[in-house]
PDB file of all heavy atoms in Angstrom:
ATOM      1  N   LYS A   1      62.837   9.659 -76.012  1.00  0.00           N
ATOM      2  CA  LYS A   1      63.972   9.365 -75.128  1.00  0.00           C
ATOM      3  C   LYS A   1      63.798  10.085 -73.796  1.00  0.00           C
ATOM      4  O   LYS A   1      64.107   9.554 -72.736  1.00  0.00           O
ATOM      5  CB  LYS A   1      65.281   9.785 -75.792  1.00  0.00           C
ATOM      6  CG  LYS A   1      65.656   8.918 -76.966  1.00  0.00           C
ATOM      7  CD  LYS A   1      66.922   9.406 -77.623  1.00  0.00           C
ATOM      8  CE  LYS A   1      67.210   8.583 -78.869  1.00  0.00           C
ATOM      9  NZ  LYS A   1      68.335   9.113 -79.613  1.00  0.00           N
ATOM     10  N   ARG A   2      63.297  11.286 -73.870  1.00  0.00           N
ATOM     11  CA  ARG A   2      63.071  12.088 -72.657  1.00  0.00           C
ATOM     12  C   ARG A   2      62.090  11.377 -71.722  1.00  0.00           C
ATOM     13  O   ARG A   2      62.307  11.300 -70.519  1.00  0.00           O
ATOM     14  CB  ARG A   2      62.534  13.451 -73.070  1.00  0.00           C
ATOM     15  CG  ARG A   2      62.462  14.463 -71.980  1.00  0.00           C
ATOM     16  CD  ARG A   2      61.990  15.794 -72.597  1.00  0.00           C
ATOM     17  NE  ARG A   2      62.025  16.861 -71.659  1.00  0.00           N
ATOM     18  CZ  ARG A   2      63.076  17.622 -71.396  1.00  0.00           C
ATOM     19  NH1 ARG A   2      64.202  17.435 -72.044  1.00  0.00           N
ATOM     20  NH2 ARG A   2      63.015  18.575 -70.505  1.00  0.00           N
ATOM     21  N   GLY A   3      61.016  10.850 -72.279  1.00  0.00           N
ATOM     22  CA  GLY A   3      60.046  10.107 -71.480  1.00  0.00           C
ATOM     23  C   GLY A   3      60.659   8.886 -70.826  1.00  0.00           C
ATOM     24  O   GLY A   3      60.431   8.620 -69.641  1.00  0.00           O
ATOM     25  N   ARG A   4      61.461   8.163 -71.570  1.00  0.00           N
ATOM     26  CA  ARG A   4      62.114   6.964 -71.017  1.00  0.00           C
ATOM     27  C   ARG A   4      63.088   7.328 -69.899  1.00  0.00           C
ATOM     28  O   ARG A   4      63.140   6.675 -68.862  1.00  0.00           O
ATOM     29  CB  ARG A   4      62.821   6.195 -72.123  1.00  0.00           C
ATOM     30  CG  ARG A   4      61.849   5.521 -73.051  1.00  0.00           C
ATOM     31  CD  ARG A   4      62.548   4.698 -74.105  1.00  0.00           C
ATOM     32  NE  ARG A   4      61.552   4.030 -74.919  1.00  0.00           N
ATOM     33  CZ  ARG A   4      61.615   3.916 -76.219  1.00  0.00           C
ATOM     34  NH1 ARG A   4      62.660   4.403 -76.877  1.00  0.00           N
ATOM     35  NH2 ARG A   4      60.675   3.305 -76.893  1.00  0.00           N
ATOM     36  N   VAL A   5      63.868   8.367 -70.123  1.00  0.00           N
ATOM     37  CA  VAL A   5      64.826   8.804 -69.108  1.00  0.00           C
ATOM     38  C   VAL A   5      64.080   9.321 -67.875  1.00  0.00           C
ATOM     39  O   VAL A   5      64.497   9.075 -66.736  1.00  0.00           O
ATOM     40  CB  VAL A   5      65.785   9.876 -69.678  1.00  0.00           C
ATOM     41  CG1 VAL A   5      66.614  10.522 -68.590  1.00  0.00           C
ATOM     42  CG2 VAL A   5      66.682   9.263 -70.751  1.00  0.00           C
ATOM     43  N   LEU A   6      62.969   9.978 -68.095  1.00  0.00           N
ATOM     44  CA  LEU A   6      62.178  10.495 -66.985  1.00  0.00           C
ATOM     45  C   LEU A   6      61.632   9.346 -66.124  1.00  0.00           C
ATOM     46  O   LEU A   6      61.655   9.420 -64.899  1.00  0.00           O
ATOM     47  CB  LEU A   6      61.048  11.362 -67.520  1.00  0.00           C
ATOM     48  CG  LEU A   6      60.403  12.339 -66.562  1.00  0.00           C
ATOM     49  CD1 LEU A   6      61.431  13.293 -65.970  1.00  0.00           C
ATOM     50  CD2 LEU A   6      59.313  13.115 -67.266  1.00  0.00           C
ATOM     51  N   VAL A   7      61.167   8.286 -66.763  1.00  0.00           N
ATOM     52  CA  VAL A   7      60.699   7.108 -66.006  1.00  0.00           C
ATOM     53  C   VAL A   7      61.850   6.508 -65.221  1.00  0.00           C
ATOM     54  O   VAL A   7      61.711   6.176 -64.039  1.00  0.00           O
ATOM     55  CB  VAL A   7      60.052   6.067 -66.938  1.00  0.00           C
ATOM     56  CG1 VAL A   7      59.804   4.748 -66.200  1.00  0.00           C
ATOM     57  CG2 VAL A   7      58.749   6.598 -67.518  1.00  0.00           C
ATOM     58  N   GLU A   8      63.000   6.370 -65.844  1.00  0.00           N
ATOM     59  CA  GLU A   8      64.165   5.817 -65.142  1.00  0.00           C
ATOM     60  C   GLU A   8      64.568   6.699 -63.961  1.00  0.00           C
ATOM     61  O   GLU A   8      64.903   6.201 -62.890  1.00  0.00           O
ATOM     62  CB  GLU A   8      65.346   5.647 -66.104  1.00  0.00           C
ATOM     63  CG  GLU A   8      65.156   4.536 -67.108  1.00  0.00           C
ATOM     64  CD  GLU A   8      64.951   3.177 -66.449  1.00  0.00           C
ATOM     65  OE1 GLU A   8      65.654   2.845 -65.477  1.00  0.00           O
ATOM     66  OE2 GLU A   8      64.056   2.455 -66.901  1.00  0.00           O
ATOM     67  N   ALA A   9      64.536   7.992 -64.173  1.00  0.00           N
ATOM     68  CA  ALA A   9      64.900   8.912 -63.093  1.00  0.00           C
ATOM     69  C   ALA A   9      63.894   8.820 -61.947  1.00  0.00           C
ATOM     70  O   ALA A   9      64.278   8.868 -60.769  1.00  0.00           O
ATOM     71  CB  ALA A   9      64.977  10.344 -63.628  1.00  0.00           C
ATOM     72  N   ALA A  10      62.627   8.693 -62.275  1.00  0.00           N
ATOM     73  CA  ALA A  10      61.601   8.548 -61.235  1.00  0.00           C
ATOM     74  C   ALA A  10      61.811   7.245 -60.466  1.00  0.00           C
ATOM     75  O   ALA A  10      61.709   7.216 -59.237  1.00  0.00           O
ATOM     76  CB  ALA A  10      60.209   8.589 -61.860  1.00  0.00           C
ATOM     77  N   ARG A  11      62.129   6.181 -61.187  1.00  0.00           N
ATOM     78  CA  ARG A  11      62.411   4.897 -60.521  1.00  0.00           C
ATOM     79  C   ARG A  11      63.576   5.041 -59.557  1.00  0.00           C
ATOM     80  O   ARG A  11      63.542   4.543 -58.432  1.00  0.00           O
ATOM     81  CB  ARG A  11      62.756   3.828 -61.565  1.00  0.00           C
ATOM     82  CG  ARG A  11      61.581   3.339 -62.342  1.00  0.00           C
ATOM     83  CD  ARG A  11      61.989   2.477 -63.493  1.00  0.00           C
ATOM     84  NE  ARG A  11      62.689   1.260 -63.059  1.00  0.00           N
ATOM     85  CZ  ARG A  11      63.226   0.395 -63.890  1.00  0.00           C
ATOM     86  NH1 ARG A  11      63.165   0.591 -65.194  1.00  0.00           N
ATOM     87  NH2 ARG A  11      63.824  -0.671 -63.437  1.00  0.00           N
ATOM     88  N   ALA A  12      64.603   5.738 -59.981  1.00  0.00           N
ATOM     89  CA  ALA A  12      65.803   5.900 -59.160  1.00  0.00           C
ATOM     90  C   ALA A  12      65.532   6.755 -57.919  1.00  0.00           C
ATOM     91  O   ALA A  12      66.233   6.630 -56.915  1.00  0.00           O
ATOM     92  CB  ALA A  12      66.925   6.527 -59.990  1.00  0.00           C
ATOM     93  N   ARG A  13      64.529   7.615 -57.993  1.00  0.00           N
ATOM     94  CA  ARG A  13      64.240   8.505 -56.872  1.00  0.00           C
ATOM     95  C   ARG A  13      63.299   7.892 -55.836  1.00  0.00           C
ATOM     96  O   ARG A  13      63.121   8.442 -54.770  1.00  0.00           O
ATOM     97  CB  ARG A  13      63.668   9.817 -57.386  1.00  0.00           C
ATOM     98  CG  ARG A  13      64.787  10.710 -57.875  1.00  0.00           C
ATOM     99  CD  ARG A  13      64.292  11.850 -58.702  1.00  0.00           C
ATOM    100  NE  ARG A  13      65.386  12.715 -59.084  1.00  0.00           N
ATOM    101  CZ  ARG A  13      66.362  12.398 -59.923  1.00  0.00           C
ATOM    102  NH1 ARG A  13      66.394  11.202 -60.461  1.00  0.00           N
ATOM    103  NH2 ARG A  13      67.326  13.254 -60.228  1.00  0.00           N
ATOM    104  N   ARG A  14      62.701   6.761 -56.170  1.00  0.00           N
ATOM    105  CA  ARG A  14      61.823   6.108 -55.194  1.00  0.00           C
ATOM    106  C   ARG A  14      62.609   5.813 -53.934  1.00  0.00           C
ATOM    107  O   ARG A  14      63.696   5.259 -53.971  1.00  0.00           O
ATOM    108  CB  ARG A  14      61.283   4.802 -55.753  1.00  0.00           C
ATOM    109  CG  ARG A  14      60.018   4.949 -56.501  1.00  0.00           C
ATOM    110  CD  ARG A  14      59.407   3.618 -56.816  1.00  0.00           C
ATOM    111  NE  ARG A  14      58.063   3.775 -57.317  1.00  0.00           N
ATOM    112  CZ  ARG A  14      57.502   2.937 -58.157  1.00  0.00           C
ATOM    113  NH1 ARG A  14      58.146   1.874 -58.580  1.00  0.00           N
ATOM    114  NH2 ARG A  14      56.270   3.149 -58.562  1.00  0.00           N
ATOM    115  N   GLY A  15      62.063   6.221 -52.812  1.00  0.00           N
ATOM    116  CA  GLY A  15      62.713   5.969 -51.534  1.00  0.00           C
ATOM    117  C   GLY A  15      63.739   7.017 -51.147  1.00  0.00           C
ATOM    118  O   GLY A  15      64.263   6.975 -50.047  1.00  0.00           O
ATOM    119  N   THR A  16      64.055   7.938 -52.044  1.00  0.00           N
ATOM    120  CA  THR A  16      65.049   8.972 -51.730  1.00  0.00           C
ATOM    121  C   THR A  16      64.395  10.326 -51.462  1.00  0.00           C
ATOM    122  O   THR A  16      65.051  11.232 -50.982  1.00  0.00           O
ATOM    123  CB  THR A  16      66.063   9.144 -52.884  1.00  0.00           C
ATOM    124  OG1 THR A  16      65.380   9.635 -54.038  1.00  0.00           O
ATOM    125  CG2 THR A  16      66.750   7.830 -53.213  1.00  0.00           C
ATOM    126  N   ILE A  17      63.133  10.449 -51.818  1.00  0.00           N
ATOM    127  CA  ILE A  17      62.382  11.679 -51.612  1.00  0.00           C
ATOM    128  C   ILE A  17      61.362  11.393 -50.522  1.00  0.00           C
ATOM    129  O   ILE A  17      60.733  10.336 -50.521  1.00  0.00           O
ATOM    130  CB  ILE A  17      61.691  12.110 -52.923  1.00  0.00           C
ATOM    131  CG1 ILE A  17      62.755  12.463 -53.962  1.00  0.00           C
ATOM    132  CG2 ILE A  17      60.749  13.275 -52.700  1.00  0.00           C
ATOM    133  CD1 ILE A  17      62.211  12.784 -55.318  1.00  0.00           C
ATOM    134  N   PRO A  18      61.192  12.308 -49.602  1.00  0.00           N
ATOM    135  CA  PRO A  18      60.230  12.056 -48.516  1.00  0.00           C
ATOM    136  C   PRO A  18      58.867  11.636 -49.067  1.00  0.00           C
ATOM    137  O   PRO A  18      58.383  12.206 -50.049  1.00  0.00           O
ATOM    138  CB  PRO A  18      60.139  13.395 -47.790  1.00  0.00           C
ATOM    139  CG  PRO A  18      61.408  14.087 -48.119  1.00  0.00           C
ATOM    140  CD  PRO A  18      61.803  13.619 -49.492  1.00  0.00           C
ATOM    141  N   PRO A  19      58.267  10.623 -48.452  1.00  0.00           N
ATOM    142  CA  PRO A  19      56.968  10.160 -48.945  1.00  0.00           C
ATOM    143  C   PRO A  19      55.890  11.225 -48.768  1.00  0.00           C
ATOM    144  O   PRO A  19      56.014  12.130 -47.948  1.00  0.00           O
ATOM    145  CB  PRO A  19      56.680   8.936 -48.078  1.00  0.00           C
ATOM    146  CG  PRO A  19      57.501   9.120 -46.854  1.00  0.00           C
ATOM    147  CD  PRO A  19      58.706   9.915 -47.271  1.00  0.00           C
ATOM    148  N   ALA A  20      54.856  11.082 -49.547  1.00  0.00           N
ATOM    149  CA  ALA A  20      53.726  12.001 -49.479  1.00  0.00           C
ATOM    150  C   ALA A  20      52.455  11.195 -49.701  1.00  0.00           C
ATOM    151  O   ALA A  20      52.504  10.044 -50.149  1.00  0.00           O
ATOM    152  CB  ALA A  20      53.856  13.079 -50.549  1.00  0.00           C
ATOM    153  N   ASP A  21      51.347  11.790 -49.421  1.00  0.00           N
ATOM    154  CA  ASP A  21      50.075  11.144 -49.711  1.00  0.00           C
ATOM    155  C   ASP A  21      49.779  11.362 -51.187  1.00  0.00           C
ATOM    156  O   ASP A  21      49.360  12.446 -51.594  1.00  0.00           O
ATOM    157  CB  ASP A  21      48.968  11.730 -48.836  1.00  0.00           C
ATOM    158  CG  ASP A  21      47.631  11.060 -49.093  1.00  0.00           C
ATOM    159  OD1 ASP A  21      47.581  10.078 -49.863  1.00  0.00           O
ATOM    160  OD2 ASP A  21      46.633  11.520 -48.524  1.00  0.00           O
ATOM    161  N   ASP A  22      50.031  10.347 -51.985  1.00  0.00           N
ATOM    162  CA  ASP A  22      49.875  10.452 -53.430  1.00  0.00           C
ATOM    163  C   ASP A  22      48.517   9.971 -53.916  1.00  0.00           C
ATOM    164  O   ASP A  22      48.310   9.817 -55.115  1.00  0.00           O
ATOM    165  CB  ASP A  22      50.975   9.650 -54.136  1.00  0.00           C
ATOM    166  CG  ASP A  22      52.350  10.253 -53.942  1.00  0.00           C
ATOM    167  OD1 ASP A  22      52.454  11.489 -53.909  1.00  0.00           O
ATOM    168  OD2 ASP A  22      53.316   9.485 -53.826  1.00  0.00           O
ATOM    169  N   THR A  23      47.605   9.727 -53.007  1.00  0.00           N
ATOM    170  CA  THR A  23      46.298   9.219 -53.423  1.00  0.00           C
ATOM    171  C   THR A  23      45.424  10.334 -53.981  1.00  0.00           C
ATOM    172  O   THR A  23      45.615  11.509 -53.686  1.00  0.00           O
ATOM    173  CB  THR A  23      45.552   8.559 -52.249  1.00  0.00           C
ATOM    174  OG1 THR A  23      45.345   9.531 -51.235  1.00  0.00           O
ATOM    175  CG2 THR A  23      46.327   7.381 -51.693  1.00  0.00           C
ATOM    176  N   VAL A  24      44.493   9.920 -54.796  1.00  0.00           N
ATOM    177  CA  VAL A  24      43.415  10.791 -55.246  1.00  0.00           C
ATOM    178  C   VAL A  24      42.161  10.179 -54.637  1.00  0.00           C
ATOM    179  O   VAL A  24      41.735   9.101 -55.047  1.00  0.00           O
ATOM    180  CB  VAL A  24      43.294  10.846 -56.783  1.00  0.00           C
ATOM    181  CG1 VAL A  24      42.087  11.665 -57.206  1.00  0.00           C
ATOM    182  CG2 VAL A  24      44.565  11.394 -57.410  1.00  0.00           C
ATOM    183  N   PRO A  25      41.588  10.830 -53.636  1.00  0.00           N
ATOM    184  CA  PRO A  25      40.398  10.262 -52.991  1.00  0.00           C
ATOM    185  C   PRO A  25      39.272  10.030 -53.999  1.00  0.00           C
ATOM    186  O   PRO A  25      39.041  10.858 -54.886  1.00  0.00           O
ATOM    187  CB  PRO A  25      40.008  11.320 -51.967  1.00  0.00           C
ATOM    188  CG  PRO A  25      41.265  12.089 -51.716  1.00  0.00           C
ATOM    189  CD  PRO A  25      41.999  12.081 -53.016  1.00  0.00           C
ATOM    190  N   ASP A  26      38.606   8.904 -53.880  1.00  0.00           N
ATOM    191  CA  ASP A  26      37.492   8.559 -54.762  1.00  0.00           C
ATOM    192  C   ASP A  26      36.293   9.437 -54.414  1.00  0.00           C
ATOM    193  O   ASP A  26      35.751   9.339 -53.314  1.00  0.00           O
ATOM    194  CB  ASP A  26      37.140   7.093 -54.588  1.00  0.00           C
ATOM    195  CG  ASP A  26      36.068   6.623 -55.558  1.00  0.00           C
ATOM    196  OD1 ASP A  26      35.532   7.450 -56.328  1.00  0.00           O
ATOM    197  OD2 ASP A  26      35.762   5.418 -55.545  1.00  0.00           O
ATOM    198  N   PRO A  27      35.853  10.277 -55.343  1.00  0.00           N
ATOM    199  CA  PRO A  27      34.749  11.183 -55.038  1.00  0.00           C
ATOM    200  C   PRO A  27      33.366  10.573 -55.253  1.00  0.00           C
ATOM    201  O   PRO A  27      32.366  11.209 -54.940  1.00  0.00           O
ATOM    202  CB  PRO A  27      34.983  12.332 -56.017  1.00  0.00           C
ATOM    203  CG  PRO A  27      35.561  11.646 -57.218  1.00  0.00           C
ATOM    204  CD  PRO A  27      36.443  10.561 -56.645  1.00  0.00           C
ATOM    205  N   MET A  28      33.304   9.361 -55.801  1.00  0.00           N
ATOM    206  CA  MET A  28      32.007   8.765 -56.127  1.00  0.00           C
ATOM    207  C   MET A  28      31.092   8.726 -54.913  1.00  0.00           C
ATOM    208  O   MET A  28      31.484   8.280 -53.844  1.00  0.00           O
ATOM    209  CB  MET A  28      32.183   7.360 -56.713  1.00  0.00           C
ATOM    210  CG  MET A  28      32.883   7.362 -58.061  1.00  0.00           C
ATOM    211  SD  MET A  28      32.109   8.418 -59.301  1.00  0.00           S
ATOM    212  CE  MET A  28      30.579   7.576 -59.547  1.00  0.00           C
ATOM    213  N   GLY A  29      29.900   9.236 -55.105  1.00  0.00           N
ATOM    214  CA  GLY A  29      28.922   9.280 -54.038  1.00  0.00           C
ATOM    215  C   GLY A  29      29.096  10.459 -53.102  1.00  0.00           C
ATOM    216  O   GLY A  29      28.305  10.656 -52.188  1.00  0.00           O
ATOM    217  N   GLY A  30      30.153  11.226 -53.329  1.00  0.00           N
ATOM    218  CA  GLY A  30      30.427  12.366 -52.472  1.00  0.00           C
ATOM    219  C   GLY A  30      29.836  13.648 -53.022  1.00  0.00           C
ATOM    220  O   GLY A  30      29.240  13.669 -54.098  1.00  0.00           O
ATOM    221  N   PRO A  31      30.051  14.717 -52.309  1.00  0.00           N
ATOM    222  CA  PRO A  31      29.532  16.014 -52.760  1.00  0.00           C
ATOM    223  C   PRO A  31      30.321  16.540 -53.958  1.00  0.00           C
ATOM    224  O   PRO A  31      31.399  16.042 -54.292  1.00  0.00           O
ATOM    225  CB  PRO A  31      29.738  16.912 -51.535  1.00  0.00           C
ATOM    226  CG  PRO A  31      30.876  16.296 -50.803  1.00  0.00           C
ATOM    227  CD  PRO A  31      30.751  14.818 -51.022  1.00  0.00           C
ATOM    228  N   GLU A  32      29.795  17.556 -54.579  1.00  0.00           N
ATOM    229  CA  GLU A  32      30.450  18.171 -55.743  1.00  0.00           C
ATOM    230  C   GLU A  32      31.880  18.585 -55.418  1.00  0.00           C
ATOM    231  O   GLU A  32      32.787  18.441 -56.244  1.00  0.00           O
ATOM    232  CB  GLU A  32      29.639  19.375 -56.211  1.00  0.00           C
ATOM    233  CG  GLU A  32      30.227  20.042 -57.439  1.00  0.00           C
ATOM    234  CD  GLU A  32      29.415  21.232 -57.915  1.00  0.00           C
ATOM    235  OE1 GLU A  32      28.216  21.318 -57.620  1.00  0.00           O
ATOM    236  OE2 GLU A  32      30.009  22.080 -58.592  1.00  0.00           O
ATOM    237  N   GLN A  33      32.100  19.106 -54.227  1.00  0.00           N
ATOM    238  CA  GLN A  33      33.438  19.556 -53.836  1.00  0.00           C
ATOM    239  C   GLN A  33      34.449  18.408 -53.864  1.00  0.00           C
ATOM    240  O   GLN A  33      35.607  18.611 -54.205  1.00  0.00           O
ATOM    241  CB  GLN A  33      33.411  20.213 -52.451  1.00  0.00           C
ATOM    242  CG  GLN A  33      34.751  20.793 -52.036  1.00  0.00           C
ATOM    243  CD  GLN A  33      35.325  21.781 -53.061  1.00  0.00           C
ATOM    244  OE1 GLN A  33      34.596  22.534 -53.702  1.00  0.00           O
ATOM    245  NE2 GLN A  33      36.633  21.768 -53.230  1.00  0.00           N
ATOM    246  N   ALA A  34      34.025  17.202 -53.533  1.00  0.00           N
ATOM    247  CA  ALA A  34      34.926  16.046 -53.574  1.00  0.00           C
ATOM    248  C   ALA A  34      35.356  15.762 -55.010  1.00  0.00           C
ATOM    249  O   ALA A  34      36.515  15.416 -55.264  1.00  0.00           O
ATOM    250  CB  ALA A  34      34.251  14.819 -52.955  1.00  0.00           C
ATOM    251  N   HIS A  35      34.430  15.916 -55.949  1.00  0.00           N
ATOM    252  CA  HIS A  35      34.763  15.729 -57.367  1.00  0.00           C
ATOM    253  C   HIS A  35      35.713  16.825 -57.840  1.00  0.00           C
ATOM    254  O   HIS A  35      36.675  16.552 -58.563  1.00  0.00           O
ATOM    255  CB  HIS A  35      33.480  15.730 -58.205  1.00  0.00           C
ATOM    256  CG  HIS A  35      32.634  14.530 -57.979  1.00  0.00           C
ATOM    257  ND1 HIS A  35      32.699  13.418 -58.776  1.00  0.00           N
ATOM    258  CD2 HIS A  35      31.709  14.264 -57.023  1.00  0.00           C
ATOM    259  CE1 HIS A  35      31.848  12.517 -58.337  1.00  0.00           C
ATOM    260  NE2 HIS A  35      31.230  13.005 -57.275  1.00  0.00           N
ATOM    261  N   ARG A  36      35.444  18.033 -57.427  1.00  0.00           N
ATOM    262  CA  ARG A  36      36.327  19.145 -57.804  1.00  0.00           C
ATOM    263  C   ARG A  36      37.742  18.939 -57.265  1.00  0.00           C
ATOM    264  O   ARG A  36      38.720  19.220 -57.950  1.00  0.00           O
ATOM    265  CB  ARG A  36      35.760  20.470 -57.315  1.00  0.00           C
ATOM    266  CG  ARG A  36      34.525  20.914 -58.037  1.00  0.00           C
ATOM    267  CD  ARG A  36      34.052  22.280 -57.534  1.00  0.00           C
ATOM    268  NE  ARG A  36      32.811  22.669 -58.137  1.00  0.00           N
ATOM    269  CZ  ARG A  36      32.689  23.205 -59.355  1.00  0.00           C
ATOM    270  NH1 ARG A  36      33.770  23.419 -60.065  1.00  0.00           N
ATOM    271  NH2 ARG A  36      31.508  23.516 -59.834  1.00  0.00           N
ATOM    272  N   GLU A  37      37.839  18.447 -56.045  1.00  0.00           N
ATOM    273  CA  GLU A  37      39.152  18.211 -55.446  1.00  0.00           C
ATOM    274  C   GLU A  37      39.903  17.109 -56.188  1.00  0.00           C
ATOM    275  O   GLU A  37      41.100  17.210 -56.438  1.00  0.00           O
ATOM    276  CB  GLU A  37      39.018  17.872 -53.956  1.00  0.00           C
ATOM    277  CG  GLU A  37      40.336  17.593 -53.263  1.00  0.00           C
ATOM    278  CD  GLU A  37      41.322  18.762 -53.240  1.00  0.00           C
ATOM    279  OE1 GLU A  37      40.950  19.902 -53.605  1.00  0.00           O
ATOM    280  OE2 GLU A  37      42.473  18.532 -52.857  1.00  0.00           O
ATOM    281  N   ALA A  38      39.199  16.049 -56.565  1.00  0.00           N
ATOM    282  CA  ALA A  38      39.832  14.966 -57.325  1.00  0.00           C
ATOM    283  C   ALA A  38      40.349  15.489 -58.662  1.00  0.00           C
ATOM    284  O   ALA A  38      41.481  15.186 -59.063  1.00  0.00           O
ATOM    285  CB  ALA A  38      38.849  13.817 -57.533  1.00  0.00           C
ATOM    286  N   VAL A  39      39.536  16.283 -59.329  1.00  0.00           N
ATOM    287  CA  VAL A  39      39.952  16.876 -60.609  1.00  0.00           C
ATOM    288  C   VAL A  39      41.159  17.776 -60.406  1.00  0.00           C
ATOM    289  O   VAL A  39      42.112  17.745 -61.195  1.00  0.00           O
ATOM    290  CB  VAL A  39      38.788  17.653 -61.261  1.00  0.00           C
ATOM    291  CG1 VAL A  39      39.275  18.513 -62.423  1.00  0.00           C
ATOM    292  CG2 VAL A  39      37.714  16.690 -61.717  1.00  0.00           C
ATOM    293  N   ARG A  40      41.157  18.569 -59.348  1.00  0.00           N
ATOM    294  CA  ARG A  40      42.283  19.471 -59.078  1.00  0.00           C
ATOM    295  C   ARG A  40      43.576  18.675 -58.871  1.00  0.00           C
ATOM    296  O   ARG A  40      44.627  19.026 -59.422  1.00  0.00           O
ATOM    297  CB  ARG A  40      42.002  20.328 -57.844  1.00  0.00           C
ATOM    298  CG  ARG A  40      43.090  21.380 -57.575  1.00  0.00           C
ATOM    299  CD  ARG A  40      42.884  22.078 -56.243  1.00  0.00           C
ATOM    300  NE  ARG A  40      43.128  21.199 -55.112  1.00  0.00           N
ATOM    301  CZ  ARG A  40      44.349  20.841 -54.675  1.00  0.00           C
ATOM    302  NH1 ARG A  40      45.435  21.280 -55.279  1.00  0.00           N
ATOM    303  NH2 ARG A  40      44.477  20.042 -53.631  1.00  0.00           N
TER     304      ARG A  40
END
């Protein structure tokens, strides 16, 4: 139930919280540090 309520709460918060860069850059072909950053 907690998981379901959490999804609903996240849905309700879309557009109400300042946007952020939520991407995880693709490290493929990049240096080791790019892979470490993606993992982090």
